[in-house]
Amino acid sequence: METATQSWTPTEQASEIATKTGPEGRKSINRLAENVASRTPSLLFMAASLASIAAAATLQIRGNRQWSLFVGQWAPSFLLFGLYTKLVKSLGAD
């Protein structure tokens, strides 16, 4: 069964793992998340954060205050995802 799951996408692997119950299923999901996070470049999240700030500023200037606030709140989330990927890369997975 191991060879069959290697060709799946991470989303399909996560849904397959989620069907397992107990601590083994949670460990497998954590391992999958750490594997994907370790392959994701941290600079991507910094760029996404800066893009959301720029988009929020543009929306604010154009008078779309509600959308500006909505898009502006994405920046901290992107920065936290970037921090998580950095930690996974430097400390490694357990």
N, C-alpha and C. Protein backbone atom coordinates (compact mmCIF):
# COMPACT_ATOMS: atom_id res chain seq x y z
N MET A 1 0.82 -1.20 0.00
CA MET A 1 0.00 0.00 0.00
C MET A 1 0.86 1.25 0.00
N GLU A 2 2.07 1.19 0.52
CA GLU A 2 2.96 2.33 0.57
C GLU A 2 3.27 2.87 -0.82
N THR A 3 3.45 2.01 -1.79
CA THR A 3 3.77 2.49 -3.13
C THR A 3 2.58 3.18 -3.78
N ALA A 4 1.38 2.79 -3.41
CA ALA A 4 0.19 3.41 -4.00
C ALA A 4 0.01 4.84 -3.50
N THR A 5 0.35 5.10 -2.22
CA THR A 5 0.13 6.43 -1.67
C THR A 5 1.21 7.42 -2.09
N GLN A 6 2.36 6.95 -2.56
CA GLN A 6 3.43 7.87 -2.93
C GLN A 6 3.08 8.68 -4.17
N SER A 7 2.25 8.16 -5.05
CA SER A 7 1.91 8.89 -6.25
C SER A 7 0.73 9.84 -6.04
N TRP A 8 0.10 9.82 -4.89
CA TRP A 8 -1.03 10.69 -4.61
C TRP A 8 -0.55 12.09 -4.33
N THR A 9 -1.47 13.05 -4.47
CA THR A 9 -1.17 14.42 -4.08
C THR A 9 -1.26 14.52 -2.56
N PRO A 10 -0.67 15.55 -1.95
CA PRO A 10 -0.75 15.69 -0.50
C PRO A 10 -2.18 15.75 0.01
N THR A 11 -3.09 16.35 -0.75
CA THR A 11 -4.49 16.42 -0.32
C THR A 11 -5.11 15.04 -0.26
N GLU A 12 -4.84 14.23 -1.28
CA GLU A 12 -5.38 12.86 -1.28
C GLU A 12 -4.77 12.04 -0.16
N GLN A 13 -3.47 12.25 0.11
CA GLN A 13 -2.83 11.53 1.21
C GLN A 13 -3.45 11.93 2.53
N ALA A 14 -3.72 13.22 2.73
CA ALA A 14 -4.30 13.69 3.98
C ALA A 14 -5.69 13.12 4.19
N SER A 15 -6.49 13.05 3.13
CA SER A 15 -7.84 12.50 3.29
C SER A 15 -7.78 11.00 3.57
N GLU A 16 -6.82 10.31 2.99
CA GLU A 16 -6.66 8.89 3.28
C GLU A 16 -6.20 8.67 4.71
N ILE A 17 -5.27 9.51 5.16
CA ILE A 17 -4.75 9.39 6.52
C ILE A 17 -5.82 9.76 7.54
N ALA A 18 -6.67 10.73 7.20
CA ALA A 18 -7.71 11.19 8.13
C ALA A 18 -8.71 10.09 8.45
N THR A 19 -8.82 9.10 7.59
CA THR A 19 -9.75 8.01 7.86
C THR A 19 -9.23 7.10 8.97
N LYS A 20 -7.92 7.14 9.23
CA LYS A 20 -7.36 6.37 10.33
C LYS A 20 -7.79 7.02 11.65
N THR A 21 -7.92 6.22 12.66
CA THR A 21 -8.30 6.76 13.96
C THR A 21 -7.14 6.58 14.93
N GLY A 22 -7.16 7.37 15.97
CA GLY A 22 -6.16 7.23 17.02
C GLY A 22 -4.92 8.06 16.76
N PRO A 23 -3.93 7.88 17.63
CA PRO A 23 -2.70 8.67 17.56
C PRO A 23 -1.90 8.45 16.29
N GLU A 24 -1.95 7.26 15.71
CA GLU A 24 -1.19 6.99 14.49
C GLU A 24 -1.67 7.85 13.33
N GLY A 25 -2.97 8.05 13.24
CA GLY A 25 -3.51 8.90 12.18
C GLY A 25 -3.07 10.34 12.34
N ARG A 26 -3.05 10.85 13.58
CA ARG A 26 -2.61 12.23 13.82
C ARG A 26 -1.12 12.38 13.52
N LYS A 27 -0.32 11.38 13.90
CA LYS A 27 1.11 11.44 13.61
C LYS A 27 1.36 11.45 12.11
N SER A 28 0.59 10.68 11.39
CA SER A 28 0.76 10.63 9.93
C SER A 28 0.41 11.95 9.29
N ILE A 29 -0.66 12.59 9.77
CA ILE A 29 -1.06 13.90 9.22
C ILE A 29 0.01 14.94 9.55
N ASN A 30 0.54 14.92 10.77
CA ASN A 30 1.60 15.87 11.14
C ASN A 30 2.84 15.65 10.28
N ARG A 31 3.20 14.40 10.06
CA ARG A 31 4.36 14.08 9.24
C ARG A 31 4.17 14.60 7.81
N LEU A 32 2.96 14.41 7.28
CA LEU A 32 2.67 14.90 5.93
C LEU A 32 2.75 16.43 5.87
N ALA A 33 2.19 17.11 6.86
CA ALA A 33 2.22 18.57 6.89
C ALA A 33 3.66 19.08 6.99
N GLU A 34 4.48 18.44 7.81
CA GLU A 34 5.87 18.86 7.95
C GLU A 34 6.66 18.58 6.68
N ASN A 35 6.33 17.51 5.99
CA ASN A 35 7.01 17.19 4.73
C ASN A 35 6.70 18.25 3.67
N VAL A 36 5.44 18.63 3.57
CA VAL A 36 5.05 19.66 2.60
C VAL A 36 5.65 21.01 2.99
N ALA A 37 5.63 21.34 4.28
CA ALA A 37 6.16 22.62 4.74
C ALA A 37 7.67 22.71 4.52
N SER A 38 8.38 21.60 4.66
CA SER A 38 9.83 21.65 4.49
C SER A 38 10.22 21.85 3.03
N ARG A 39 9.34 21.52 2.10
CA ARG A 39 9.64 21.70 0.68
C ARG A 39 9.16 23.05 0.14
N THR A 40 8.42 23.80 0.94
CA THR A 40 7.89 25.09 0.51
C THR A 40 8.89 26.19 0.82
N PRO A 41 9.24 27.02 -0.15
CA PRO A 41 10.20 28.10 0.13
C PRO A 41 9.59 29.16 1.06
N SER A 42 10.34 29.56 2.06
CA SER A 42 9.86 30.55 3.02
C SER A 42 9.66 31.92 2.38
N LEU A 43 10.44 32.21 1.36
CA LEU A 43 10.33 33.50 0.67
C LEU A 43 8.96 33.66 0.01
N LEU A 44 8.34 32.56 -0.34
CA LEU A 44 7.00 32.60 -0.95
C LEU A 44 6.00 33.26 0.01
N PHE A 45 6.08 32.93 1.27
CA PHE A 45 5.15 33.50 2.25
C PHE A 45 5.44 34.97 2.52
N MET A 46 6.71 35.35 2.48
CA MET A 46 7.05 36.77 2.64
C MET A 46 6.51 37.57 1.47
N ALA A 47 6.64 37.03 0.27
CA ALA A 47 6.12 37.72 -0.92
C ALA A 47 4.59 37.81 -0.87
N ALA A 48 3.94 36.74 -0.42
CA ALA A 48 2.48 36.76 -0.31
C ALA A 48 2.03 37.79 0.73
N SER A 49 2.77 37.90 1.81
CA SER A 49 2.44 38.89 2.84
C SER A 49 2.57 40.31 2.31
N LEU A 50 3.68 40.58 1.63
CA LEU A 50 3.87 41.92 1.06
C LEU A 50 2.83 42.22 -0.02
N ALA A 51 2.46 41.21 -0.80
CA ALA A 51 1.43 41.40 -1.83
C ALA A 51 0.08 41.72 -1.20
N SER A 52 -0.24 41.06 -0.08
CA SER A 52 -1.52 41.35 0.56
C SER A 52 -1.54 42.74 1.17
N ILE A 53 -0.40 43.20 1.67
CA ILE A 53 -0.32 44.56 2.21
C ILE A 53 -0.49 45.57 1.08
N ALA A 54 0.17 45.32 -0.05
CA ALA A 54 0.04 46.23 -1.19
C ALA A 54 -1.38 46.24 -1.74
N ALA A 55 -2.00 45.06 -1.80
CA ALA A 55 -3.38 44.99 -2.29
C ALA A 55 -4.33 45.72 -1.34
N ALA A 56 -4.10 45.57 -0.03
CA ALA A 56 -4.94 46.26 0.94
C ALA A 56 -4.79 47.78 0.83
N ALA A 57 -3.57 48.23 0.64
CA ALA A 57 -3.34 49.67 0.49
C ALA A 57 -4.02 50.19 -0.78
N THR A 58 -3.92 49.42 -1.85
CA THR A 58 -4.57 49.82 -3.11
C THR A 58 -6.08 49.88 -2.94
N LEU A 59 -6.65 48.88 -2.28
CA LEU A 59 -8.09 48.87 -2.06
C LEU A 59 -8.53 50.04 -1.18
N GLN A 60 -7.70 50.37 -0.19
CA GLN A 60 -8.02 51.50 0.70
C GLN A 60 -8.02 52.81 -0.08
N ILE A 61 -7.03 52.98 -0.94
CA ILE A 61 -6.95 54.20 -1.75
C ILE A 61 -8.14 54.32 -2.68
N ARG A 62 -8.58 53.19 -3.23
CA ARG A 62 -9.70 53.21 -4.17
C ARG A 62 -11.06 53.31 -3.46
N GLY A 63 -11.07 53.30 -2.12
CA GLY A 63 -12.30 53.50 -1.38
C GLY A 63 -13.04 52.23 -0.98
N ASN A 64 -12.43 51.09 -1.20
CA ASN A 64 -13.04 49.82 -0.81
C ASN A 64 -12.56 49.43 0.59
N ARG A 65 -13.08 50.10 1.61
CA ARG A 65 -12.57 49.93 2.97
C ARG A 65 -12.77 48.53 3.50
N GLN A 66 -13.94 47.94 3.30
CA GLN A 66 -14.22 46.60 3.83
C GLN A 66 -13.29 45.55 3.22
N TRP A 67 -13.12 45.59 1.90
CA TRP A 67 -12.22 44.63 1.24
C TRP A 67 -10.77 44.88 1.65
N SER A 68 -10.42 46.14 1.88
CA SER A 68 -9.08 46.47 2.31
C SER A 68 -8.77 45.83 3.66
N LEU A 69 -9.70 45.93 4.58
CA LEU A 69 -9.50 45.31 5.90
C LEU A 69 -9.43 43.79 5.79
N PHE A 70 -10.25 43.21 4.93
CA PHE A 70 -10.26 41.76 4.75
C PHE A 70 -8.93 41.26 4.20
N VAL A 71 -8.46 41.90 3.14
CA VAL A 71 -7.20 41.46 2.51
C VAL A 71 -6.01 41.79 3.40
N GLY A 72 -6.06 42.88 4.12
CA GLY A 72 -4.97 43.26 5.01
C GLY A 72 -4.75 42.29 6.16
N GLN A 73 -5.78 41.57 6.53
CA GLN A 73 -5.65 40.60 7.62
C GLN A 73 -4.99 39.30 7.18
N TRP A 74 -4.72 39.14 5.91
CA TRP A 74 -4.03 37.95 5.43
C TRP A 74 -2.54 37.98 5.75
N ALA A 75 -1.96 39.17 5.83
CA ALA A 75 -0.51 39.32 6.00
C ALA A 75 0.02 38.57 7.23
N PRO A 76 -0.57 38.72 8.41
CA PRO A 76 -0.03 37.99 9.56
C PRO A 76 -0.11 36.47 9.40
N SER A 77 -1.15 35.99 8.74
CA SER A 77 -1.26 34.55 8.52
C SER A 77 -0.16 34.05 7.61
N PHE A 78 0.12 34.78 6.55
CA PHE A 78 1.21 34.38 5.66
C PHE A 78 2.55 34.39 6.39
N LEU A 79 2.76 35.40 7.24
CA LEU A 79 4.01 35.46 8.00
C LEU A 79 4.14 34.29 8.97
N LEU A 80 3.03 33.89 9.59
CA LEU A 80 3.07 32.73 10.49
C LEU A 80 3.34 31.45 9.74
N PHE A 81 2.75 31.29 8.56
CA PHE A 81 3.05 30.11 7.74
C PHE A 81 4.54 30.08 7.38
N GLY A 82 5.09 31.23 7.04
CA GLY A 82 6.51 31.32 6.73
C GLY A 82 7.38 30.97 7.92
N LEU A 83 6.99 31.43 9.10
CA LEU A 83 7.72 31.09 10.31
C LEU A 83 7.67 29.59 10.58
N TYR A 84 6.51 28.99 10.36
CA TYR A 84 6.38 27.55 10.55
C TYR A 84 7.30 26.79 9.61
N THR A 85 7.36 27.19 8.35
CA THR A 85 8.22 26.49 7.40
C THR A 85 9.70 26.65 7.80
N LYS A 86 10.08 27.83 8.28
CA LYS A 86 11.44 28.04 8.73
C LYS A 86 11.77 27.13 9.91
N LEU A 87 10.84 27.02 10.86
CA LEU A 87 11.08 26.16 12.02
C LEU A 87 11.19 24.70 11.61
N VAL A 88 10.35 24.26 10.71
CA VAL A 88 10.41 22.87 10.27
C VAL A 88 11.72 22.60 9.56
N LYS A 89 12.19 23.56 8.76
CA LYS A 89 13.45 23.37 8.05
C LYS A 89 14.64 23.36 9.00
N SER A 90 14.64 24.25 9.99
CA SER A 90 15.80 24.36 10.88
C SER A 90 15.81 23.31 11.97
N LEU A 91 14.66 23.03 12.57
CA LEU A 91 14.60 22.07 13.65
C LEU A 91 14.32 20.65 13.18
N GLY A 92 13.73 20.54 12.01
CA GLY A 92 13.42 19.22 11.48
C GLY A 92 12.15 18.67 12.09
N ALA A 93 11.68 17.61 11.51
CA ALA A 93 10.47 16.94 12.00
C ALA A 93 10.85 15.95 13.07
N ASP A 94 9.96 15.76 14.01
CA ASP A 94 10.21 14.78 15.09
C ASP A 94 9.98 13.37 14.60
